[in-house]
Amino acid sequence: MNSEKIDGIIEKYRGKPGALIHALTEIQHENHWLPKDVLHQVADALQVPFSQAMQIASFYKTFSLTPKGRHEVHVCSGMTCHLRGAAKLMQKVQEITGLKPGETDAAAKFTLENGSCLGSCSIGPEIIVDGKHYGRMTPEKAADVLNGYE
């Protein structure tokens, strides 16, 4: 966690209670998760109750209250991707990362997620890493994609 950057984000929104979601989004982007002590700092600086900050952080799926890896890997499990081999793809990604969906590795390099349709059916099956889509993915190509991330 880069405390200086997080402190800078908090200062940017100090005294602006209407900017709670913006502040949390920037911190999530920087830190990959929202620790409770940071939520307390944000609530104090923005002059909102801690319960409100916690409610927002726990309601929206984009926020995480548990540590995430530097790289979020999503494997689509929607019907089209499933029919095109997503199960084998997921199996290979699990083998490469040593993770099951919902887990983060000990080095905090990867967090693995699977999800229903990710909206790119024409290029399925697909992997999305940090928002970048890799379509027409095969188990053989998965290693090349994931090895490109440090």
Protein backbone atom coordinates (compact mmCIF):
# COMPACT_ATOMS: atom_id res chain seq x y z
CA MET A 1 0.00 0.00 0.00
CA ASN A 2 1.39 3.37 -1.01
CA SER A 3 0.39 5.55 1.96
CA GLU A 4 1.52 8.77 0.30
CA LYS A 5 -0.69 8.27 -2.74
CA ILE A 6 -3.66 7.24 -0.61
CA ASP A 7 -3.15 10.24 1.68
CA GLY A 8 -3.04 12.45 -1.43
CA ILE A 9 -6.32 11.02 -2.70
CA ILE A 10 -7.95 11.55 0.69
CA GLU A 11 -6.70 15.15 0.85
CA LYS A 12 -8.02 15.83 -2.63
CA TYR A 13 -11.57 15.09 -1.41
CA ARG A 14 -11.28 16.44 2.16
CA GLY A 15 -14.52 18.10 3.28
CA LYS A 16 -16.45 16.90 0.21
CA PRO A 17 -18.93 14.28 1.44
CA GLY A 18 -20.50 14.00 -2.02
CA ALA A 19 -17.21 12.69 -3.39
CA LEU A 20 -17.19 9.50 -1.31
CA ILE A 21 -17.57 7.13 -4.25
CA HIS A 22 -14.92 9.02 -6.24
CA ALA A 23 -12.45 8.82 -3.37
CA LEU A 24 -13.08 5.11 -2.81
CA THR A 25 -12.78 4.40 -6.53
CA GLU A 26 -9.39 6.10 -6.74
CA ILE A 27 -8.13 4.32 -3.63
CA GLN A 28 -9.40 0.96 -4.93
CA HIS A 29 -7.61 1.61 -8.23
CA GLU A 30 -4.37 2.47 -6.44
CA ASN A 31 -4.45 -0.15 -3.69
CA HIS A 32 -6.65 -2.90 -5.22
CA TRP A 33 -8.73 -3.10 -2.03
CA LEU A 34 -10.14 -0.93 0.78
CA PRO A 35 -8.74 -1.66 4.25
CA LYS A 36 -10.95 -0.66 7.19
CA ASP A 37 -8.39 1.82 8.52
CA VAL A 38 -8.43 3.59 5.15
CA LEU A 39 -12.24 3.65 5.19
CA HIS A 40 -12.04 5.32 8.61
CA GLN A 41 -9.60 7.93 7.24
CA VAL A 42 -11.83 8.63 4.24
CA ALA A 43 -14.94 8.93 6.40
CA ASP A 44 -13.21 11.36 8.77
CA ALA A 45 -11.75 13.48 5.97
CA LEU A 46 -14.98 13.66 3.98
CA GLN A 47 -17.06 14.17 7.12
CA VAL A 48 -19.34 11.21 6.56
CA PRO A 49 -20.21 8.46 9.05
CA PHE A 50 -17.96 5.41 8.86
CA SER A 51 -21.11 3.32 8.41
CA GLN A 52 -21.85 5.19 5.17
CA ALA A 53 -18.36 4.55 3.81
CA MET A 54 -18.66 0.88 4.76
CA GLN A 55 -22.11 0.64 3.20
CA ILE A 56 -20.85 2.01 -0.12
CA ALA A 57 -17.71 -0.16 -0.06
CA SER A 58 -19.69 -3.33 0.63
CA PHE A 59 -22.59 -2.60 -1.75
CA TYR A 60 -20.75 -2.02 -5.03
CA LYS A 61 -19.02 -5.02 -6.61
CA THR A 62 -16.20 -2.85 -7.91
CA PHE A 63 -14.93 -2.41 -4.34
CA SER A 64 -13.18 -5.09 -2.33
CA LEU A 65 -12.80 -5.28 1.44
CA THR A 66 -10.25 -8.08 1.09
CA PRO A 67 -6.79 -7.87 -0.47
CA LYS A 68 -6.61 -8.41 -4.23
CA GLY A 69 -3.69 -9.18 -6.49
CA ARG A 70 -1.99 -6.58 -8.65
CA HIS A 71 -3.64 -8.25 -11.64
CA GLU A 72 -7.30 -9.31 -11.70
CA VAL A 73 -7.90 -12.23 -14.03
CA HIS A 74 -11.48 -12.94 -15.10
CA VAL A 75 -12.43 -16.00 -17.10
CA CYS A 76 -15.84 -15.78 -18.74
CA SER A 77 -18.19 -18.62 -17.91
CA GLY A 78 -21.15 -17.39 -19.94
CA MET A 79 -23.02 -19.80 -22.20
CA THR A 80 -21.19 -18.91 -25.43
CA CYS A 81 -17.77 -19.12 -23.79
CA HIS A 82 -18.80 -22.32 -22.03
CA LEU A 83 -19.77 -23.92 -25.34
CA ARG A 84 -16.43 -22.84 -26.81
CA GLY A 85 -14.31 -24.42 -24.06
CA ALA A 86 -14.27 -22.03 -21.09
CA ALA A 87 -14.14 -24.93 -18.61
CA LYS A 88 -10.85 -26.18 -20.06
CA LEU A 89 -9.58 -22.62 -20.18
CA MET A 90 -10.46 -22.08 -16.51
CA GLN A 91 -8.79 -25.36 -15.61
CA LYS A 92 -5.58 -24.23 -17.33
CA VAL A 93 -5.67 -20.77 -15.69
CA GLN A 94 -6.13 -22.44 -12.30
CA GLU A 95 -3.18 -24.72 -13.04
CA ILE A 96 -0.97 -21.78 -14.08
CA THR A 97 -1.88 -19.53 -11.14
CA GLY A 98 -2.52 -22.18 -8.49
CA LEU A 99 -5.76 -20.37 -7.65
CA LYS A 100 -9.45 -21.15 -7.55
CA PRO A 101 -12.01 -18.47 -8.43
CA GLY A 102 -12.19 -15.86 -5.67
CA GLU A 103 -8.64 -16.47 -4.47
CA THR A 104 -5.53 -14.29 -4.45
CA ASP A 105 -2.03 -15.76 -4.47
CA ALA A 106 0.34 -15.26 -1.54
CA ALA A 107 2.52 -12.85 -3.53
CA ALA A 108 -0.57 -10.74 -4.38
CA LYS A 109 0.24 -11.04 -8.07
CA PHE A 110 -3.08 -12.48 -9.29
CA THR A 111 -6.68 -12.64 -8.16
CA LEU A 112 -8.76 -15.11 -10.14
CA GLU A 113 -12.45 -14.57 -10.81
CA ASN A 114 -14.97 -16.20 -13.07
CA GLY A 115 -18.13 -14.57 -14.15
CA SER A 116 -21.13 -14.95 -16.28
CA CYS A 117 -21.17 -13.24 -19.63
CA LEU A 118 -18.56 -10.50 -19.82
CA GLY A 119 -20.14 -9.05 -22.96
CA SER A 120 -17.79 -10.19 -25.69
CA CYS A 121 -19.52 -13.34 -26.92
CA SER A 122 -18.20 -13.01 -30.46
CA ILE A 123 -14.60 -13.46 -29.28
CA GLY A 124 -15.19 -16.10 -26.60
CA PRO A 125 -13.87 -17.84 -24.77
CA GLU A 126 -12.04 -14.96 -23.22
CA ILE A 127 -9.83 -13.91 -20.37
CA ILE A 128 -9.83 -10.34 -19.11
CA VAL A 129 -6.73 -9.20 -17.23
CA ASP A 130 -6.91 -5.76 -15.63
CA GLY A 131 -9.69 -4.81 -18.05
CA LYS A 132 -7.85 -5.94 -21.19
CA HIS A 133 -9.75 -8.54 -23.23
CA TYR A 134 -7.99 -11.58 -24.69
CA GLY A 135 -10.42 -13.31 -27.02
CA ARG A 136 -10.53 -16.63 -28.81
CA MET A 137 -8.44 -17.89 -25.93
CA THR A 138 -7.26 -21.47 -25.75
CA PRO A 139 -5.65 -23.24 -22.79
CA GLU A 140 -2.38 -23.19 -24.75
CA LYS A 141 -2.49 -19.40 -25.18
CA ALA A 142 -3.37 -18.74 -21.52
CA ALA A 143 0.18 -19.24 -20.28
CA ASP A 144 1.54 -16.74 -22.81
CA VAL A 145 -1.00 -14.13 -21.69
CA LEU A 146 -0.47 -14.59 -17.96
CA ASN A 147 3.32 -14.77 -18.24
CA GLY A 148 3.22 -11.25 -19.66
CA TYR A 149 2.18 -9.86 -16.27
CA GLU A 150 4.62 -9.21 -13.46
